[in-house]
């Protein structure tokens, strides 16, 4: 049986009882903060409402110019949560997350962006999944946008836990990617993977999830655990669609150095091709045909999902095919 056989690709569904504890004793929540004075109180309130509560909340103020840090100090003085504020010069979100990783005093870390919020029951769901799948070092759920419907805490408590032996196979099947506000990670696994890449401004967290996907196992909650307030923190990410994400370079480096173990190597290559083909489609639809064709030529078609490869090829070549057809059409009419 190969590493990508359908039987091995499928996640294992695990039914688990609900968790009834007052505090996640092994959990630190890390919040990178930069100029989010309008939203940080809402974010902290969503953590305070969690049952169980985390052992601590570590806020890394990344050189905020507004009242963000002062507001956190005022909230910490009256909150039942243990909130630690650490200040640093503005060095970017990856540096802030890495500082939080180092400062965390617990074995597990959950990250939450300063303008996002946890849904009711999120940390209880994480704790339930952690107990159900002791071999998993990354536990993640989904996110929903502001205004979208979400599950109640009771419904989230009844959501299944899926054990993913292969994160990349999950992604190629169309499963959601880990996001920075929907994940809980064993601190040691994150340190082994190298934390977050500093100096990268777009898709820096995807690089981290890729490295973790090469080295450890995941548990997945197929339900929203956090709300993404895109209208509050929009940073122009759509302008970067179609760009080569940083993890593609990491993939090339790790393949060259033999860092990806054989059971994951083929599925990681398949996901790399899958990601490239989606970028080809986006670039072609955006009118960047030359870029799309150049990237398509670099895709390893032997491991690429065949239906997606054909779709990308047709979309990238569509204008050329149309022009050829229009040139032939008058000749056929003459005949």
Protein backbone atom coordinates (compact mmCIF):
# COMPACT_ATOMS: atom_id res chain seq x y z
CA UNK A 1 0.00 0.00 0.00
CA UNK A 2 1.52 3.34 -1.00
CA UNK A 3 1.74 6.45 1.14
CA UNK A 4 -1.03 8.04 -0.89
CA UNK A 5 -3.46 5.15 -1.08
CA UNK A 6 -7.07 6.20 -0.38
CA UNK A 7 -7.22 4.05 2.74
CA UNK A 8 -4.24 5.75 4.35
CA UNK A 9 -5.28 9.23 3.24
CA UNK A 10 -8.58 9.13 5.08
CA UNK A 11 -8.62 10.69 8.56
CA UNK A 12 -9.61 8.62 11.55
CA UNK A 13 -12.78 9.85 13.24
CA UNK A 14 -12.68 9.74 17.03
CA UNK A 15 -15.74 10.28 19.20
CA UNK A 16 -14.87 11.85 22.54
CA UNK A 17 -16.71 12.89 25.70
CA UNK A 18 -16.93 16.56 26.62
CA UNK A 19 -14.34 18.10 28.93
CA UNK A 20 -15.37 19.40 32.34
CA UNK A 21 -12.39 21.19 33.88
CA UNK A 22 -11.94 24.74 35.14
CA UNK A 23 -8.60 25.51 33.55
CA UNK A 24 -6.38 24.21 30.72
CA UNK A 25 -3.36 23.80 32.98
CA UNK A 26 -0.95 23.12 30.10
CA UNK A 27 -2.08 25.93 27.77
CA UNK A 28 -0.68 29.38 27.07
CA UNK A 29 -2.55 31.64 24.64
CA UNK A 30 -0.17 33.91 22.71
CA UNK A 31 -1.41 37.15 21.11
CA UNK A 32 0.85 39.20 18.80
CA UNK A 33 -0.28 42.81 19.13
CA UNK A 34 0.39 45.82 16.92
CA UNK A 35 -1.88 48.89 16.81
CA UNK A 36 -5.07 47.03 17.66
CA UNK A 37 -6.43 49.24 20.45
CA UNK A 38 -9.89 49.14 18.88
CA UNK A 39 -10.09 45.35 19.03
CA UNK A 40 -7.84 43.89 21.74
CA UNK A 41 -10.46 44.23 24.50
CA UNK A 42 -12.90 42.18 22.42
CA UNK A 43 -10.21 39.55 21.79
CA UNK A 44 -9.32 39.23 25.48
CA UNK A 45 -13.01 39.10 26.43
CA UNK A 46 -13.45 36.09 24.14
CA UNK A 47 -10.65 34.30 26.03
CA UNK A 48 -12.07 35.29 29.41
CA UNK A 49 -15.39 33.72 28.39
CA UNK A 50 -13.78 30.32 27.73
CA UNK A 51 -14.48 27.38 30.00
CA UNK A 52 -11.94 26.00 30.68
CA UNK A 53 -9.70 29.05 30.78
CA UNK A 54 -6.04 28.94 29.72
CA UNK A 55 -3.31 28.89 32.33
CA UNK A 56 -1.98 32.19 30.99
CA UNK A 57 -2.31 34.73 28.20
CA UNK A 58 0.95 36.13 26.80
CA UNK A 59 0.54 39.38 24.84
CA UNK A 60 3.54 40.47 22.77
CA UNK A 61 3.23 44.17 21.97
CA UNK A 62 5.15 44.59 18.73
CA UNK A 63 5.94 48.29 18.98
CA UNK A 64 2.36 49.58 18.96
CA UNK A 65 1.98 53.31 18.37
CA UNK A 66 -1.55 53.52 19.75
CA UNK A 67 -2.94 52.70 23.21
CA UNK A 68 -2.92 48.92 22.69
CA UNK A 69 -0.35 48.09 25.37
CA UNK A 70 -1.82 50.46 27.95
CA UNK A 71 -5.25 48.97 27.36
CA UNK A 72 -3.91 45.46 27.92
CA UNK A 73 -2.35 46.58 31.20
CA UNK A 74 -5.68 47.99 32.40
CA UNK A 75 -7.55 44.83 31.42
CA UNK A 76 -4.92 42.61 33.06
CA UNK A 77 -5.31 44.46 36.37
CA UNK A 78 -8.97 43.45 36.69
CA UNK A 79 -9.21 40.25 34.65
CA UNK A 80 -9.48 36.78 36.23
CA UNK A 81 -7.04 35.65 33.55
CA UNK A 82 -3.30 35.61 34.10
CA UNK A 83 -2.21 38.11 31.44
CA UNK A 84 1.45 38.90 30.83
CA UNK A 85 2.39 41.82 28.59
CA UNK A 86 5.81 41.79 26.92
CA UNK A 87 6.92 44.80 24.89
CA UNK A 88 9.36 44.80 21.99
CA UNK A 89 10.31 47.07 19.10
CA UNK A 90 8.29 46.63 15.93
CA UNK A 91 9.84 43.60 14.20
CA UNK A 92 6.85 41.91 12.60
CA UNK A 93 4.24 39.33 13.48
CA UNK A 94 6.56 36.32 13.14
CA UNK A 95 9.05 37.81 15.58
CA UNK A 96 6.20 38.57 17.98
CA UNK A 97 4.86 35.01 17.77
CA UNK A 98 8.34 33.59 18.31
CA UNK A 99 8.79 35.83 21.35
CA UNK A 100 5.51 34.50 22.70
CA UNK A 101 6.61 30.94 22.00
CA UNK A 102 9.78 31.49 24.03
CA UNK A 103 7.99 33.29 26.85
CA UNK A 104 5.18 30.74 27.21
CA UNK A 105 5.41 28.72 30.42
CA UNK A 106 3.15 25.84 29.40
CA UNK A 107 3.57 22.80 27.16
CA UNK A 108 0.87 23.83 24.68
CA UNK A 109 0.43 27.15 22.86
CA UNK A 110 -2.67 28.51 21.15
CA UNK A 111 -2.21 31.58 18.96
CA UNK A 112 -4.90 34.22 18.53
CA UNK A 113 -4.53 37.36 16.42
CA UNK A 114 -5.30 40.59 18.24
CA UNK A 115 -8.38 41.39 16.14
CA UNK A 116 -9.85 37.87 16.10
CA UNK A 117 -12.02 36.17 18.72
CA UNK A 118 -12.56 32.67 20.04
CA UNK A 119 -16.00 31.19 19.67
CA UNK A 120 -17.69 29.81 22.80
CA UNK A 121 -16.30 26.39 23.67
CA UNK A 122 -13.15 26.70 21.53
CA UNK A 123 -10.60 25.89 24.24
CA UNK A 124 -12.76 23.07 25.59
CA UNK A 125 -12.79 21.59 22.08
CA UNK A 126 -9.00 21.89 21.88
CA UNK A 127 -8.61 20.20 25.25
CA UNK A 128 -10.99 17.41 24.28
CA UNK A 129 -9.05 16.78 21.06
CA UNK A 130 -5.73 16.82 22.92
CA UNK A 131 -6.92 14.13 25.29
CA UNK A 132 -8.50 12.08 22.51
CA UNK A 133 -5.44 12.05 20.23
CA UNK A 134 -2.34 11.97 22.45
CA UNK A 135 -0.09 11.37 19.42
CA UNK A 136 -1.06 14.64 17.74
CA UNK A 137 1.10 17.70 18.37
CA UNK A 138 -0.96 20.14 16.28
CA UNK A 139 -4.70 20.54 16.89
CA UNK A 140 -6.71 22.87 14.70
CA UNK A 141 -10.24 23.83 13.81
CA UNK A 142 -11.82 26.13 11.29
CA UNK A 143 -12.51 29.87 11.29
CA UNK A 144 -15.57 31.81 10.23
CA UNK A 145 -15.84 35.44 9.23
CA UNK A 146 -17.77 38.07 11.13
CA UNK A 147 -21.45 37.74 10.35
CA UNK A 148 -21.28 34.06 9.44
CA UNK A 149 -23.20 31.48 11.43
CA UNK A 150 -21.24 29.33 13.86
CA UNK A 151 -21.89 26.44 16.21
CA UNK A 152 -22.96 26.91 19.79
CA UNK A 153 -20.63 25.79 22.58
CA UNK A 154 -22.78 22.67 23.03
CA UNK A 155 -22.63 21.82 19.33
CA UNK A 156 -18.87 22.41 19.26
CA UNK A 157 -18.52 20.06 22.24
CA UNK A 158 -20.17 17.33 20.15
CA UNK A 159 -18.09 17.88 17.00
CA UNK A 160 -15.96 14.86 16.04
CA UNK A 161 -12.19 14.84 16.28
CA UNK A 162 -10.36 13.64 13.17
CA UNK A 163 -6.85 12.24 13.44
CA UNK A 164 -4.74 13.22 10.41
CA UNK A 165 -1.74 11.00 9.89
CA UNK A 166 -0.91 13.07 6.77
CA UNK A 167 -1.70 16.80 6.80
CA UNK A 168 -0.83 17.25 3.12
CA UNK A 169 -3.22 14.53 1.99
CA UNK A 170 -5.93 16.35 3.96
CA UNK A 171 -5.17 19.58 2.08
CA UNK A 172 -5.16 17.96 -1.36
CA UNK A 173 -8.59 16.50 -0.59
CA UNK A 174 -9.77 20.10 -0.17
CA UNK A 175 -9.58 20.23 3.62
CA UNK A 176 -8.97 23.61 5.29
CA UNK A 177 -5.47 24.77 6.14
CA UNK A 178 -4.37 25.62 9.65
CA UNK A 179 -4.72 29.33 10.45
CA UNK A 180 -2.96 31.29 13.16
CA UNK A 181 -6.14 31.84 15.20
CA UNK A 182 -7.49 28.29 15.03
CA UNK A 183 -4.59 26.19 16.26
CA UNK A 184 -3.08 24.74 19.42
CA UNK A 185 0.48 23.39 19.16
CA UNK A 186 2.77 21.50 21.47
CA UNK A 187 5.49 24.00 22.30
CA UNK A 188 8.33 21.51 21.79
CA UNK A 189 7.10 20.62 18.29
CA UNK A 190 6.95 24.29 17.32
CA UNK A 191 10.48 24.87 18.59
CA UNK A 192 11.76 21.82 16.67
CA UNK A 193 10.12 23.14 13.50
CA UNK A 194 11.88 26.49 13.89
CA UNK A 195 8.93 28.65 14.91
CA UNK A 196 7.77 31.30 12.45
CA UNK A 197 9.99 32.66 9.63
CA UNK A 198 11.05 36.18 10.54
CA UNK A 199 11.19 38.81 7.84
CA UNK A 200 8.40 37.18 5.81
CA UNK A 201 5.32 39.39 5.56
CA UNK A 202 2.87 37.27 3.53
CA UNK A 203 2.00 33.66 4.30
CA UNK A 204 4.55 33.37 7.09
CA UNK A 205 2.29 31.06 9.10
CA UNK A 206 1.74 28.71 6.11
CA UNK A 207 5.48 28.08 6.10
CA UNK A 208 5.28 27.00 9.74
CA UNK A 209 2.32 24.68 9.12
CA UNK A 210 4.21 23.15 6.19
CA UNK A 211 7.26 22.38 8.34
CA UNK A 212 5.08 20.93 11.09
CA UNK A 213 3.22 18.87 8.48
CA UNK A 214 6.52 17.29 7.47
CA UNK A 215 7.44 16.34 11.01
CA UNK A 216 4.40 15.61 13.15
CA UNK A 217 0.75 14.56 13.26
CA UNK A 218 -2.38 16.67 13.41
CA UNK A 219 -5.86 16.44 14.91
CA UNK A 220 -8.64 18.33 13.15
CA UNK A 221 -11.93 19.68 14.50
CA UNK A 222 -14.25 20.13 11.48
CA UNK A 223 -16.02 23.13 13.01
CA UNK A 224 -15.22 26.84 13.54
CA UNK A 225 -13.35 27.64 16.75
CA UNK A 226 -12.53 31.30 16.00
CA UNK A 227 -14.02 34.28 14.22
CA UNK A 228 -11.90 36.17 11.72
CA UNK A 229 -12.82 39.85 11.65
CA UNK A 230 -11.53 40.55 8.16
CA UNK A 231 -13.15 43.98 7.96
CA UNK A 232 -11.20 45.03 11.07
CA UNK A 233 -7.76 43.73 10.23
CA UNK A 234 -7.77 43.60 6.45
CA UNK A 235 -4.18 43.95 5.31
CA UNK A 236 -4.48 43.68 1.57
CA UNK A 237 -3.85 39.93 1.46
CA UNK A 238 -5.88 39.63 -1.73
CA UNK A 239 -3.26 41.71 -3.51
CA UNK A 240 -0.77 38.91 -2.82
CA UNK A 241 -2.86 36.09 -4.27
CA UNK A 242 -0.99 34.29 -6.99
CA UNK A 243 2.42 35.09 -5.51
CA UNK A 244 4.79 32.25 -4.74
CA UNK A 245 4.33 31.54 -1.01
CA UNK A 246 7.41 31.31 1.18
CA UNK A 247 6.82 27.65 1.99
CA UNK A 248 7.50 26.72 -1.66
CA UNK A 249 11.14 27.73 -1.11
CA UNK A 250 11.19 25.79 2.15
CA UNK A 251 9.84 22.76 0.27
CA UNK A 252 12.63 23.00 -2.33
CA UNK A 253 15.29 23.42 0.37
CA UNK A 254 14.02 20.52 2.46
CA UNK A 255 13.72 18.21 -0.56
CA UNK A 256 17.29 19.07 -1.59
CA UNK A 257 18.60 18.37 1.91
CA UNK A 258 16.54 15.21 2.40
CA UNK A 259 14.72 16.64 5.42
CA UNK A 260 11.29 15.30 4.46
CA UNK A 261 10.90 11.65 5.47
CA UNK A 262 9.83 9.26 2.72
CA UNK A 263 6.25 8.66 3.98
CA UNK A 264 5.55 12.42 3.71
CA UNK A 265 7.76 13.26 0.73
CA UNK A 266 5.31 12.25 -1.99
CA UNK A 267 2.26 13.78 -0.32
CA UNK A 268 4.19 17.02 0.31
CA UNK A 269 5.20 17.08 -3.37
CA UNK A 270 1.60 16.45 -4.38
CA UNK A 271 0.41 19.35 -2.21
CA UNK A 272 3.16 21.56 -3.64
CA UNK A 273 1.89 20.80 -7.15
CA UNK A 274 -1.70 21.34 -5.98
CA UNK A 275 -0.79 24.77 -4.60
CA UNK A 276 1.10 25.73 -7.77
CA UNK A 277 -1.83 24.75 -9.99
CA UNK A 278 -4.23 26.90 -7.98
CA UNK A 279 -1.79 29.80 -8.38
CA UNK A 280 -1.67 29.13 -12.14
CA UNK A 281 -5.46 29.33 -12.32
CA UNK A 282 -5.53 32.55 -10.29
CA UNK A 283 -2.81 34.19 -12.40
CA UNK A 284 -4.48 33.13 -15.65
CA UNK A 285 -7.86 34.47 -14.54
CA UNK A 286 -6.17 37.72 -13.47
CA UNK A 287 -4.76 38.14 -16.98
CA UNK A 288 -1.16 37.18 -16.17
CA UNK A 289 -0.97 34.47 -18.83
CA UNK A 290 2.80 34.50 -19.24
CA UNK A 291 3.34 34.07 -15.51
CA UNK A 292 0.70 31.35 -15.40
CA UNK A 293 2.29 29.38 -18.23
CA UNK A 294 5.77 29.79 -16.76
CA UNK A 295 4.60 28.42 -13.43
CA UNK A 296 2.64 25.62 -15.08
CA UNK A 297 5.82 24.49 -16.83
CA UNK A 298 7.47 24.08 -13.42
CA UNK A 299 4.75 21.82 -11.99
CA UNK A 300 5.68 18.17 -11.57
CA UNK A 301 2.78 16.69 -13.51
CA UNK A 302 3.69 13.16 -12.37
CA UNK A 303 2.55 13.90 -8.81
CA UNK A 304 0.02 16.65 -9.56
CA UNK A 305 -3.72 15.92 -9.26
CA UNK A 306 -4.50 15.15 -12.90
CA UNK A 307 -7.95 16.77 -13.12
CA UNK A 308 -6.61 20.00 -11.60
CA UNK A 309 -3.59 19.95 -13.92
CA UNK A 310 -5.84 19.68 -16.98
CA UNK A 311 -8.08 22.47 -15.67
CA UNK A 312 -5.09 24.77 -15.11
CA UNK A 313 -3.73 23.95 -18.56
CA UNK A 314 -7.02 24.75 -20.29
CA UNK A 315 -7.51 28.02 -18.38
CA UNK A 316 -3.92 29.14 -19.00
CA UNK A 317 -4.14 28.34 -22.71
CA UNK A 318 -7.73 29.54 -23.22
CA UNK A 319 -6.88 32.83 -25.02
CA UNK A 320 -4.44 31.07 -27.36
CA UNK A 321 -6.96 28.35 -28.11
CA UNK A 322 -9.66 30.93 -28.74
CA UNK A 323 -7.45 32.91 -31.12
CA UNK A 324 -6.54 29.75 -33.01
CA UNK A 325 -10.20 28.80 -33.31
CA UNK A 326 -11.11 32.27 -34.58
CA UNK A 327 -8.35 32.07 -37.20
CA UNK A 328 -9.64 28.71 -38.39
CA UNK A 329 -13.30 29.70 -38.39
CA UNK A 330 -13.18 31.90 -41.57
CA UNK A 331 -11.33 29.15 -43.45
CA UNK A 332 -14.01 26.65 -42.57
CA UNK A 333 -16.67 29.09 -43.74
CA UNK A 334 -14.94 29.44 -47.13
CA UNK A 335 -14.88 25.68 -47.58
